[in-house]
PDB file of N, CA and C in Angstrom:
ATOM      1  N   UNK A   1      91.767  94.707 169.655  1.00  0.00           N
ATOM      2  CA  UNK A   1      91.022  95.171 168.506  1.00  0.00           C
ATOM      3  C   UNK A   1      91.984  95.318 167.328  1.00  0.00           C
ATOM      4  N   UNK A   2      91.812  94.522 166.288  1.00  0.00           N
ATOM      5  CA  UNK A   2      92.716  94.530 165.149  1.00  0.00           C
ATOM      6  C   UNK A   2      92.157  95.380 164.019  1.00  0.00           C
ATOM      7  N   UNK A   3      93.072  96.061 163.327  1.00  0.00           N
ATOM      8  CA  UNK A   3      92.676  96.811 162.148  1.00  0.00           C
ATOM      9  C   UNK A   3      92.619  95.859 160.969  1.00  0.00           C
ATOM     10  N   UNK A   4      91.573  95.936 160.183  1.00  0.00           N
ATOM     11  CA  UNK A   4      91.418  95.031 159.050  1.00  0.00           C
ATOM     12  C   UNK A   4      91.934  95.650 157.772  1.00  0.00           C
ATOM     13  N   UNK A   5      91.972  94.832 156.711  1.00  0.00           N
ATOM     14  CA  UNK A   5      92.360  95.321 155.398  1.00  0.00           C
ATOM     15  C   UNK A   5      93.850  95.425 155.219  1.00  0.00           C
ATOM     16  N   UNK A   6      94.275  95.428 153.944  1.00  0.00           N
ATOM     17  CA  UNK A   6      95.699  95.444 153.645  1.00  0.00           C
ATOM     18  C   UNK A   6      96.236  96.798 153.258  1.00  0.00           C
ATOM     19  N   UNK A   7      95.329  97.758 152.928  1.00  0.00           N
ATOM     20  CA  UNK A   7      95.778  99.067 152.480  1.00  0.00           C
ATOM     21  C   UNK A   7      96.112  99.982 153.639  1.00  0.00           C
ATOM     22  N   UNK A   8      96.787 101.075 153.328  1.00  0.00           N
ATOM     23  CA  UNK A   8      97.142 102.054 154.356  1.00  0.00           C
ATOM     24  C   UNK A   8      98.504 101.789 154.946  1.00  0.00           C
ATOM     25  N   UNK A   9      99.101 102.834 155.485  1.00  0.00           N
ATOM     26  CA  UNK A   9     100.458 102.769 156.031  1.00  0.00           C
ATOM     27  C   UNK A   9     100.578 101.713 157.130  1.00  0.00           C
ATOM     28  N   UNK A  10     101.683 100.978 157.094  1.00  0.00           N
ATOM     29  CA  UNK A  10     101.991  99.973 158.114  1.00  0.00           C
ATOM     30  C   UNK A  10     103.382 100.273 158.658  1.00  0.00           C
ATOM     31  N   UNK A  11     103.499 100.274 159.980  1.00  0.00           N
ATOM     32  CA  UNK A  11     104.795 100.426 160.655  1.00  0.00           C
ATOM     33  C   UNK A  11     105.259  99.032 161.075  1.00  0.00           C
ATOM     34  N   UNK A  12     106.510  98.736 160.769  1.00  0.00           N
ATOM     35  CA  UNK A  12     107.143  97.458 161.100  1.00  0.00           C
ATOM     36  C   UNK A  12     108.181  97.777 162.171  1.00  0.00           C
ATOM     37  N   UNK A  13     107.938  97.328 163.390  1.00  0.00           N
ATOM     38  CA  UNK A  13     108.789  97.644 164.534  1.00  0.00           C
ATOM     39  C   UNK A  13     109.567  96.396 164.956  1.00  0.00           C
ATOM     40  N   UNK A  14     110.878  96.564 165.115  1.00  0.00           N
ATOM     41  CA  UNK A  14     111.714  95.481 165.614  1.00  0.00           C
ATOM     42  C   UNK A  14     112.430  95.985 166.863  1.00  0.00           C
ATOM     43  N   UNK A  15     112.203  95.324 167.985  1.00  0.00           N
ATOM     44  CA  UNK A  15     112.938  95.600 169.221  1.00  0.00           C
ATOM     45  C   UNK A  15     114.037  94.555 169.307  1.00  0.00           C
ATOM     46  N   UNK A  16     115.282  95.006 169.529  1.00  0.00           N
ATOM     47  CA  UNK A  16     116.411  94.092 169.482  1.00  0.00           C
ATOM     48  C   UNK A  16     117.223  94.096 170.763  1.00  0.00           C
ATOM     49  N   UNK A  17     117.598  92.886 171.158  1.00  0.00           N
ATOM     50  CA  UNK A  17     118.606  92.702 172.205  1.00  0.00           C
ATOM     51  C   UNK A  17     119.732  91.929 171.531  1.00  0.00           C
ATOM     52  N   UNK A  18     120.881  92.577 171.397  1.00  0.00           N
ATOM     53  CA  UNK A  18     122.001  91.964 170.691  1.00  0.00           C
ATOM     54  C   UNK A  18     122.851  91.102 171.620  1.00  0.00           C
ATOM     55  N   UNK A  19     123.506  90.108 171.044  1.00  0.00           N
ATOM     56  CA  UNK A  19     124.423  89.270 171.811  1.00  0.00           C
ATOM     57  C   UNK A  19     125.573  90.132 172.317  1.00  0.00           C
ATOM     58  N   UNK A  20     126.083  89.789 173.493  1.00  0.00           N
ATOM     59  CA  UNK A  20     127.130  90.586 174.144  1.00  0.00           C
ATOM     60  C   UNK A  20     128.393  90.727 173.314  1.00  0.00           C
ATOM     61  N   UNK A  21     128.701  89.713 172.506  1.00  0.00           N
ATOM     62  CA  UNK A  21     129.962  89.757 171.754  1.00  0.00           C
ATOM     63  C   UNK A  21     129.914  90.662 170.518  1.00  0.00           C
ATOM     64  N   UNK A  22     128.767  91.222 170.196  1.00  0.00           N
ATOM     65  CA  UNK A  22     128.655  92.099 169.023  1.00  0.00           C
ATOM     66  C   UNK A  22     129.355  93.428 169.312  1.00  0.00           C
ATOM     67  N   UNK A  23     130.356  93.739 168.500  1.00  0.00           N
ATOM     68  CA  UNK A  23     131.133  94.962 168.716  1.00  0.00           C
ATOM     69  C   UNK A  23     130.352  96.189 168.220  1.00  0.00           C
ATOM     70  N   UNK A  24     130.672  97.366 168.743  1.00  0.00           N
ATOM     71  CA  UNK A  24     130.030  98.594 168.244  1.00  0.00           C
ATOM     72  C   UNK A  24     130.246  98.789 166.745  1.00  0.00           C
ATOM     73  N   UNK A  25     131.409  98.391 166.233  1.00  0.00           N
ATOM     74  CA  UNK A  25     131.698  98.517 164.803  1.00  0.00           C
ATOM     75  C   UNK A  25     130.785  97.618 163.982  1.00  0.00           C
ATOM     76  N   UNK A  26     130.600  96.392 164.448  1.00  0.00           N
ATOM     77  CA  UNK A  26     129.712  95.447 163.739  1.00  0.00           C
ATOM     78  C   UNK A  26     128.272  95.947 163.791  1.00  0.00           C
ATOM     79  N   UNK A  27     127.877  96.470 164.923  1.00  0.00           N
ATOM     80  CA  UNK A  27     126.527  97.000 165.081  1.00  0.00           C
ATOM     81  C   UNK A  27     126.291  98.165 164.118  1.00  0.00           C
ATOM     82  N   UNK A  28     127.266  99.053 164.016  1.00  0.00           N
ATOM     83  CA  UNK A  28     127.174 100.187 163.094  1.00  0.00           C
ATOM     84  C   UNK A  28     127.030  99.702 161.657  1.00  0.00           C
ATOM     85  N   UNK A  29     127.799  98.695 161.304  1.00  0.00           N
ATOM     86  CA  UNK A  29     127.754  98.091 159.969  1.00  0.00           C
ATOM     87  C   UNK A  29     126.352  97.523 159.691  1.00  0.00           C
ATOM     88  N   UNK A  30     125.804  96.819 160.665  1.00  0.00           N
ATOM     89  CA  UNK A  30     124.474  96.221 160.509  1.00  0.00           C
ATOM     90  C   UNK A  30     123.383  97.279 160.377  1.00  0.00           C
ATOM     91  N   UNK A  31     123.477  98.342 161.169  1.00  0.00           N
ATOM     92  CA  UNK A  31     122.471  99.416 161.105  1.00  0.00           C
ATOM     93  C   UNK A  31     122.532 100.096 159.743  1.00  0.00           C
ATOM     94  N   UNK A  32     123.736 100.303 159.217  1.00  0.00           N
ATOM     95  CA  UNK A  32     123.877 100.887 157.876  1.00  0.00           C
ATOM     96  C   UNK A  32     123.271  99.958 156.828  1.00  0.00           C
ATOM     97  N   UNK A  33     123.458  98.665 157.009  1.00  0.00           N
ATOM     98  CA  UNK A  33     122.877  97.683 156.086  1.00  0.00           C
ATOM     99  C   UNK A  33     121.363  97.691 156.142  1.00  0.00           C
ATOM    100  N   UNK A  34     120.816  97.827 157.351  1.00  0.00           N
ATOM    101  CA  UNK A  34     119.365  97.890 157.531  1.00  0.00           C
ATOM    102  C   UNK A  34     118.820  99.135 156.828  1.00  0.00           C
ATOM    103  N   UNK A  35     119.465 100.274 157.046  1.00  0.00           N
ATOM    104  CA  UNK A  35     119.027 101.530 156.432  1.00  0.00           C
ATOM    105  C   UNK A  35     119.104 101.466 154.905  1.00  0.00           C
ATOM    106  N   UNK A  36     120.061 100.731 154.372  1.00  0.00           N
ATOM    107  CA  UNK A  36     120.232 100.615 152.916  1.00  0.00           C
ATOM    108  C   UNK A  36     119.075  99.875 152.252  1.00  0.00           C
ATOM    109  N   UNK A  37     118.318  99.129 153.035  1.00  0.00           N
ATOM    110  CA  UNK A  37     117.171  98.408 152.469  1.00  0.00           C
ATOM    111  C   UNK A  37     116.116  99.358 151.913  1.00  0.00           C
ATOM    112  N   UNK A  38     116.062 100.596 152.414  1.00  0.00           N
ATOM    113  CA  UNK A  38     115.091 101.570 151.902  1.00  0.00           C
ATOM    114  C   UNK A  38     115.308 101.781 150.400  1.00  0.00           C
ATOM    115  N   UNK A  39     116.563 101.835 149.975  1.00  0.00           N
ATOM    116  CA  UNK A  39     116.861 102.032 148.560  1.00  0.00           C
ATOM    117  C   UNK A  39     116.718 100.738 147.755  1.00  0.00           C
ATOM    118  N   UNK A  40     116.831  99.606 148.412  1.00  0.00           N
ATOM    119  CA  UNK A  40     116.803  98.318 147.715  1.00  0.00           C
ATOM    120  C   UNK A  40     115.398  97.738 147.569  1.00  0.00           C
ATOM    121  N   UNK A  41     114.518  98.048 148.510  1.00  0.00           N
ATOM    122  CA  UNK A  41     113.179  97.446 148.531  1.00  0.00           C
ATOM    123  C   UNK A  41     112.137  98.524 148.237  1.00  0.00           C
ATOM    124  N   UNK A  42     111.491  98.470 147.068  1.00  0.00           N
ATOM    125  CA  UNK A  42     110.559  99.532 146.673  1.00  0.00           C
ATOM    126  C   UNK A  42     109.411  99.800 147.653  1.00  0.00           C
ATOM    127  N   UNK A  43     108.904  98.776 148.315  1.00  0.00           N
ATOM    128  CA  UNK A  43     107.750  98.967 149.216  1.00  0.00           C
ATOM    129  C   UNK A  43     108.135  99.577 150.560  1.00  0.00           C
ATOM    130  N   UNK A  44     109.440  99.616 150.873  1.00  0.00           N
ATOM    131  CA  UNK A  44     109.926 100.189 152.128  1.00  0.00           C
ATOM    132  C   UNK A  44     110.114 101.693 151.933  1.00  0.00           C
ATOM    133  N   UNK A  45     109.287 102.482 152.595  1.00  0.00           N
ATOM    134  CA  UNK A  45     109.247 103.925 152.348  1.00  0.00           C
ATOM    135  C   UNK A  45     110.133 104.740 153.284  1.00  0.00           C
ATOM    136  N   UNK A  46     110.397 104.251 154.487  1.00  0.00           N
ATOM    137  CA  UNK A  46     111.216 104.996 155.445  1.00  0.00           C
ATOM    138  C   UNK A  46     111.799 104.030 156.478  1.00  0.00           C
ATOM    139  N   UNK A  47     112.896 104.478 157.096  1.00  0.00           N
ATOM    140  CA  UNK A  47     113.559 103.693 158.135  1.00  0.00           C
ATOM    141  C   UNK A  47     114.088 104.641 159.203  1.00  0.00           C
ATOM    142  N   UNK A  48     113.821 104.338 160.449  1.00  0.00           N
ATOM    143  CA  UNK A  48     114.363 105.073 161.586  1.00  0.00           C
ATOM    144  C   UNK A  48     114.818 104.066 162.628  1.00  0.00           C
ATOM    145  N   UNK A  49     115.774 104.473 163.424  1.00  0.00           N
ATOM    146  CA  UNK A  49     116.225 103.598 164.510  1.00  0.00           C
ATOM    147  C   UNK A  49     116.691 104.459 165.672  1.00  0.00           C
ATOM    148  N   UNK A  50     116.801 103.814 166.814  1.00  0.00           N
ATOM    149  CA  UNK A  50     117.301 104.504 167.986  1.00  0.00           C
ATOM    150  C   UNK A  50     117.573 103.513 169.103  1.00  0.00           C
ATOM    151  N   UNK A  51     118.156 104.038 170.184  1.00  0.00           N
ATOM    152  CA  UNK A  51     118.427 103.203 171.352  1.00  0.00           C
ATOM    153  C   UNK A  51     117.545 103.666 172.507  1.00  0.00           C
ATOM    154  N   UNK A  52     117.353 102.764 173.439  1.00  0.00           N
ATOM    155  CA  UNK A  52     116.491 103.056 174.593  1.00  0.00           C
ATOM    156  C   UNK A  52     117.046 104.218 175.412  1.00  0.00           C
ATOM    157  N   UNK A  53     116.198 105.209 175.677  1.00  0.00           N
ATOM    158  CA  UNK A  53     116.587 106.356 176.503  1.00  0.00           C
ATOM    159  C   UNK A  53     115.636 106.525 177.695  1.00  0.00           C
ATOM    160  N   UNK A  54     114.811 105.510 177.933  1.00  0.00           N
ATOM    161  CA  UNK A  54     113.817 105.585 178.999  1.00  0.00           C
ATOM    162  C   UNK A  54     114.468 105.575 180.374  1.00  0.00           C
ATOM    163  N   UNK A  55     113.890 106.336 181.298  1.00  0.00           N
ATOM    164  CA  UNK A  55     114.356 106.310 182.686  1.00  0.00           C
ATOM    165  C   UNK A  55     113.599 105.272 183.512  1.00  0.00           C
ATOM    166  N   UNK A  56     112.616 104.602 182.882  1.00  0.00           N
ATOM    167  CA  UNK A  56     111.775 103.649 183.617  1.00  0.00           C
ATOM    168  C   UNK A  56     112.428 102.287 183.839  1.00  0.00           C
ATOM    169  N   UNK A  57     113.502 101.992 183.095  1.00  0.00           N
ATOM    170  CA  UNK A  57     114.227 100.731 183.229  1.00  0.00           C
ATOM    171  C   UNK A  57     113.308  99.517 183.060  1.00  0.00           C
ATOM    172  N   UNK A  58     112.451  99.568 182.055  1.00  0.00           N
ATOM    173  CA  UNK A  58     111.539  98.453 181.773  1.00  0.00           C
ATOM    174  C   UNK A  58     111.824  97.831 180.401  1.00  0.00           C
ATOM    175  N   UNK A  59     113.015  98.052 179.872  1.00  0.00           N
ATOM    176  CA  UNK A  59     113.372  97.605 178.522  1.00  0.00           C
ATOM    177  C   UNK A  59     113.627  96.111 178.405  1.00  0.00           C
ATOM    178  N   UNK A  60     113.774  95.414 179.540  1.00  0.00           N
ATOM    179  CA  UNK A  60     114.007  93.967 179.570  1.00  0.00           C
ATOM    180  C   UNK A  60     115.212  93.550 178.719  1.00  0.00           C
ATOM    181  N   UNK A  61     116.204  94.435 178.628  1.00  0.00           N
ATOM    182  CA  UNK A  61     117.416  94.128 177.876  1.00  0.00           C
ATOM    183  C   UNK A  61     117.352  94.507 176.408  1.00  0.00           C
ATOM    184  N   UNK A  62     116.203  94.932 175.928  1.00  0.00           N
ATOM    185  CA  UNK A  62     116.084  95.378 174.539  1.00  0.00           C
ATOM    186  C   UNK A  62     116.666  96.787 174.462  1.00  0.00           C
ATOM    187  N   UNK A  63     117.686  96.947 173.639  1.00  0.00           N
ATOM    188  CA  UNK A  63     118.419  98.209 173.602  1.00  0.00           C
ATOM    189  C   UNK A  63     118.140  99.050 172.361  1.00  0.00           C
ATOM    190  N   UNK A  64     117.731  98.402 171.270  1.00  0.00           N
ATOM    191  CA  UNK A  64     117.563  99.094 169.993  1.00  0.00           C
ATOM    192  C   UNK A  64     116.147  98.919 169.447  1.00  0.00           C
ATOM    193  N   UNK A  65     115.676  99.984 168.796  1.00  0.00           N
ATOM    194  CA  UNK A  65     114.374  99.962 168.120  1.00  0.00           C
ATOM    195  C   UNK A  65     114.614 100.313 166.656  1.00  0.00           C
ATOM    196  N   UNK A  66     114.033  99.516 165.771  1.00  0.00           N
ATOM    197  CA  UNK A  66     114.114  99.766 164.331  1.00  0.00           C
ATOM    198  C   UNK A  66     112.690  99.875 163.797  1.00  0.00           C
ATOM    199  N   UNK A  67     112.409 100.982 163.102  1.00  0.00           N
ATOM    200  CA  UNK A  67     111.065 101.223 162.588  1.00  0.00           C
ATOM    201  C   UNK A  67     111.128 101.414 161.081  1.00  0.00           C
ATOM    202  N   UNK A  68     110.407 100.572 160.362  1.00  0.00           N
ATOM    203  CA  UNK A  68     110.313 100.695 158.913  1.00  0.00           C
ATOM    204  C   UNK A  68     108.870 101.026 158.561  1.00  0.00           C
ATOM    205  N   UNK A  69     108.686 101.863 157.549  1.00  0.00           N
ATOM    206  CA  UNK A  69     107.359 102.266 157.116  1.00  0.00           C
ATOM    207  C   UNK A  69     107.074 101.690 155.737  1.00  0.00           C
ATOM    208  N   UNK A  70     105.882 101.121 155.599  1.00  0.00           N
ATOM    209  CA  UNK A  70     105.448 100.516 154.342  1.00  0.00           C
ATOM    210  C   UNK A  70     104.106 101.092 153.931  1.00  0.00           C
ATOM    211  N   UNK A  71     103.781 100.942 152.658  1.00  0.00           N
ATOM    212  CA  UNK A  71     102.541 101.490 152.122  1.00  0.00           C
ATOM    213  C   UNK A  71     101.328 100.614 152.437  1.00  0.00           C
ATOM    214  N   UNK A  72     101.577  99.346 152.793  1.00  0.00           N
ATOM    215  CA  UNK A  72     100.463  98.409 153.025  1.00  0.00           C
ATOM    216  C   UNK A  72     101.008  97.122 153.651  1.00  0.00           C
ATOM    217  N   UNK A  73     100.099  96.259 154.091  1.00  0.00           N
ATOM    218  CA  UNK A  73     100.537  94.946 154.592  1.00  0.00           C
ATOM    219  C   UNK A  73     101.156  94.131 153.455  1.00  0.00           C
ATOM    220  N   UNK A  74     100.673  94.322 152.247  1.00  0.00           N
ATOM    221  CA  UNK A  74     101.273  93.660 151.077  1.00  0.00           C
ATOM    222  C   UNK A  74     102.716  94.141 150.898  1.00  0.00           C
ATOM    223  N   UNK A  75     102.951  95.424 151.166  1.00  0.00           N
ATOM    224  CA  UNK A  75     104.298  95.977 151.079  1.00  0.00           C
ATOM    225  C   UNK A  75     105.245  95.317 152.066  1.00  0.00           C
ATOM    226  N   UNK A  76     104.762  95.010 153.269  1.00  0.00           N
ATOM    227  CA  UNK A  76     105.582  94.307 154.268  1.00  0.00           C
ATOM    228  C   UNK A  76     105.920  92.912 153.754  1.00  0.00           C
ATOM    229  N   UNK A  77     104.928  92.243 153.175  1.00  0.00           N
ATOM    230  CA  UNK A  77     105.137  90.898 152.618  1.00  0.00           C
ATOM    231  C   UNK A  77     106.209  90.940 151.520  1.00  0.00           C
ATOM    232  N   UNK A  78     106.111  91.936 150.638  1.00  0.00           N
ATOM    233  CA  UNK A  78     107.103  92.086 149.558  1.00  0.00           C
ATOM    234  C   UNK A  78     108.499  92.312 150.134  1.00  0.00           C
ATOM    235  N   UNK A  79     108.583  93.095 151.207  1.00  0.00           N
ATOM    236  CA  UNK A  79     109.847  93.366 151.892  1.00  0.00           C
ATOM    237  C   UNK A  79     110.432  92.080 152.469  1.00  0.00           C
ATOM    238  N   UNK A  80     109.622  91.322 153.164  1.00  0.00           N
ATOM    239  CA  UNK A  80     110.089  90.090 153.814  1.00  0.00           C
ATOM    240  C   UNK A  80     110.631  89.104 152.778  1.00  0.00           C
ATOM    241  N   UNK A  81     109.994  89.067 151.612  1.00  0.00           N
ATOM    242  CA  UNK A  81     110.387  88.115 150.563  1.00  0.00           C
ATOM    243  C   UNK A  81     111.487  88.650 149.643  1.00  0.00           C
ATOM    244  N   UNK A  82     111.784  89.955 149.714  1.00  0.00           N
ATOM    245  CA  UNK A  82     112.758  90.568 148.808  1.00  0.00           C
ATOM    246  C   UNK A  82     114.160  89.992 149.041  1.00  0.00           C
ATOM    247  N   UNK A  83     114.877  89.659 147.969  1.00  0.00           N
ATOM    248  CA  UNK A  83     116.231  89.076 148.122  1.00  0.00           C
ATOM    249  C   UNK A  83     117.180  89.925 148.972  1.00  0.00           C
ATOM    250  N   UNK A  84     117.089  91.252 148.877  1.00  0.00           N
ATOM    251  CA  UNK A  84     117.973  92.118 149.676  1.00  0.00           C
ATOM    252  C   UNK A  84     117.668  91.973 151.166  1.00  0.00           C
ATOM    253  N   UNK A  85     116.383  91.820 151.524  1.00  0.00           N
ATOM    254  CA  UNK A  85     116.009  91.626 152.924  1.00  0.00           C
ATOM    255  C   UNK A  85     116.448  90.251 153.406  1.00  0.00           C
ATOM    256  N   UNK A  86     116.245  89.241 152.584  1.00  0.00           N
ATOM    257  CA  UNK A  86     116.641  87.876 152.953  1.00  0.00           C
ATOM    258  C   UNK A  86     118.142  87.829 153.229  1.00  0.00           C
ATOM    259  N   UNK A  87     118.926  88.446 152.341  1.00  0.00           N
ATOM    260  CA  UNK A  87     120.388  88.484 152.511  1.00  0.00           C
ATOM    261  C   UNK A  87     120.771  89.231 153.796  1.00  0.00           C
ATOM    262  N   UNK A  88     120.119  90.367 154.048  1.00  0.00           N
ATOM    263  CA  UNK A  88     120.404  91.135 155.260  1.00  0.00           C
ATOM    264  C   UNK A  88     120.007  90.348 156.508  1.00  0.00           C
ATOM    265  N   UNK A  89     118.838  89.744 156.493  1.00  0.00           N
ATOM    266  CA  UNK A  89     118.353  88.980 157.646  1.00  0.00           C
ATOM    267  C   UNK A  89     119.318  87.853 158.010  1.00  0.00           C
ATOM    268  N   UNK A  90     119.958  87.267 157.002  1.00  0.00           N
ATOM    269  CA  UNK A  90     120.926  86.194 157.255  1.00  0.00           C
ATOM    270  C   UNK A  90     122.160  86.698 157.997  1.00  0.00           C
ATOM    271  N   UNK A  91     122.436  88.004 157.934  1.00  0.00           N
ATOM    272  CA  UNK A  91     123.536  88.609 158.692  1.00  0.00           C
ATOM    273  C   UNK A  91     123.058  89.122 160.054  1.00  0.00           C
ATOM    274  N   UNK A  92     121.846  89.669 160.065  1.00  0.00           N
ATOM    275  CA  UNK A  92     121.316  90.372 161.237  1.00  0.00           C
ATOM    276  C   UNK A  92     120.800  89.411 162.325  1.00  0.00           C
ATOM    277  N   UNK A  93     120.025  88.429 161.915  1.00  0.00           N
ATOM    278  CA  UNK A  93     119.387  87.541 162.894  1.00  0.00           C
ATOM    279  C   UNK A  93     120.372  86.776 163.781  1.00  0.00           C
ATOM    280  N   UNK A  94     121.507  86.291 163.259  1.00  0.00           N
ATOM    281  CA  UNK A  94     122.440  85.551 164.114  1.00  0.00           C
ATOM    282  C   UNK A  94     123.055  86.370 165.254  1.00  0.00           C
ATOM    283  N   UNK A  95     123.076  87.699 165.155  1.00  0.00           N
ATOM    284  CA  UNK A  95     123.676  88.520 166.217  1.00  0.00           C
ATOM    285  C   UNK A  95     122.657  88.934 167.280  1.00  0.00           C
ATOM    286  N   UNK A  96     121.408  88.545 167.079  1.00  0.00           N
ATOM    287  CA  UNK A  96     120.363  88.885 168.046  1.00  0.00           C
ATOM    288  C   UNK A  96     120.289  87.859 169.157  1.00  0.00           C
ATOM    289  N   UNK A  97     120.241  88.351 170.389  1.00  0.00           N
ATOM    290  CA  UNK A  97     119.953  87.502 171.540  1.00  0.00           C
ATOM    291  C   UNK A  97     118.451  87.218 171.551  1.00  0.00           C
ATOM    292  N   UNK A  98     117.684  88.276 171.272  1.00  0.00           N
ATOM    293  CA  UNK A  98     116.229  88.171 171.273  1.00  0.00           C
ATOM    294  C   UNK A  98     115.656  89.338 170.471  1.00  0.00           C
ATOM    295  N   UNK A  99     114.487  89.124 169.875  1.00  0.00           N
ATOM    296  CA  UNK A  99     113.824  90.197 169.123  1.00  0.00           C
ATOM    297  C   UNK A  99     112.321  90.082 169.280  1.00  0.00           C
ATOM    298  N   UNK A 100     111.675  91.229 169.191  1.00  0.00           N
ATOM    299  CA  UNK A 100     110.216  91.295 169.122  1.00  0.00           C
ATOM    300  C   UNK A 100     109.904  92.090 167.859  1.00  0.00           C
ATOM    301  N   UNK A 101     109.029  91.545 167.028  1.00  0.00           N
ATOM    302  CA  UNK A 101     108.637  92.243 165.807  1.00  0.00           C
ATOM    303  C   UNK A 101     107.124  92.419 165.814  1.00  0.00           C
ATOM    304  N   UNK A 102     106.701  93.651 165.589  1.00  0.00           N
ATOM    305  CA  UNK A 102     105.277  93.983 165.547  1.00  0.00           C
ATOM    306  C   UNK A 102     105.021  94.857 164.329  1.00  0.00           C
ATOM    307  N   UNK A 103     103.994  94.523 163.582  1.00  0.00           N
ATOM    308  CA  UNK A 103     103.531  95.368 162.487  1.00  0.00           C
ATOM    309  C   UNK A 103     102.194  95.969 162.929  1.00  0.00           C
ATOM    310  N   UNK A 104     102.035  97.281 162.725  1.00  0.00           N
ATOM    311  CA  UNK A 104     100.778  97.898 163.094  1.00  0.00           C
ATOM    312  C   UNK A 104     100.433  99.021 162.144  1.00  0.00           C
ATOM    313  N   UNK A 105      99.158  99.357 162.114  1.00  0.00           N
ATOM    314  CA  UNK A 105      98.672 100.478 161.329  1.00  0.00           C
ATOM    315  C   UNK A 105      98.419 101.643 162.274  1.00  0.00           C
ATOM    316  N   UNK A 106      99.157 102.746 162.098  1.00  0.00           N
ATOM    317  CA  UNK A 106      98.953 103.898 162.977  1.00  0.00           C
ATOM    318  C   UNK A 106      97.484 104.362 162.932  1.00  0.00           C
ATOM    319  N   UNK A 107      96.927 104.548 164.091  1.00  0.00           N
ATOM    320  CA  UNK A 107      95.515 104.912 164.203  1.00  0.00           C
ATOM    321  C   UNK A 107      95.389 106.134 165.116  1.00  0.00           C
ATOM    322  N   UNK A 108      94.640 107.113 164.664  1.00  0.00           N
ATOM    323  CA  UNK A 108      94.394 108.304 165.482  1.00  0.00           C
ATOM    324  C   UNK A 108      93.146 108.111 166.304  1.00  0.00           C
ATOM    325  N   UNK A 109      93.111 108.743 167.473  1.00  0.00           N
ATOM    326  CA  UNK A 109      91.907 108.732 168.321  1.00  0.00           C
ATOM    327  C   UNK A 109      91.120 109.988 167.948  1.00  0.00           C
ATOM    328  N   UNK A 110      89.882 109.769 167.542  1.00  0.00           N
ATOM    329  CA  UNK A 110      89.036 110.907 167.164  1.00  0.00           C
ATOM    330  C   UNK A 110      88.168 111.367 168.308  1.00  0.00           C
TER     331      UNK A 110
END
């Protein structure tokens, strides 16, 4: 069941599995660069990240989660096309072994 329309908050989730050769220092640098996009891209309202802490061991090698908040689906489009995001993606994508990206609109159960 898909939510329609372009308005309303959208969460942009990226699950990442990094290549083995990526050093902790490089990873820290990349995460700081990702977080800096909040100040560079007007439609990006918030950024959070974390690493897997589940005891279920169902992560399939995905170790990091990155969550960006946007005001609308149009805001996500503006982010994807923004020069600062394009420049960052050119650094970030090559170090990924695999990624899953999902955009969704948070929905409450009434």
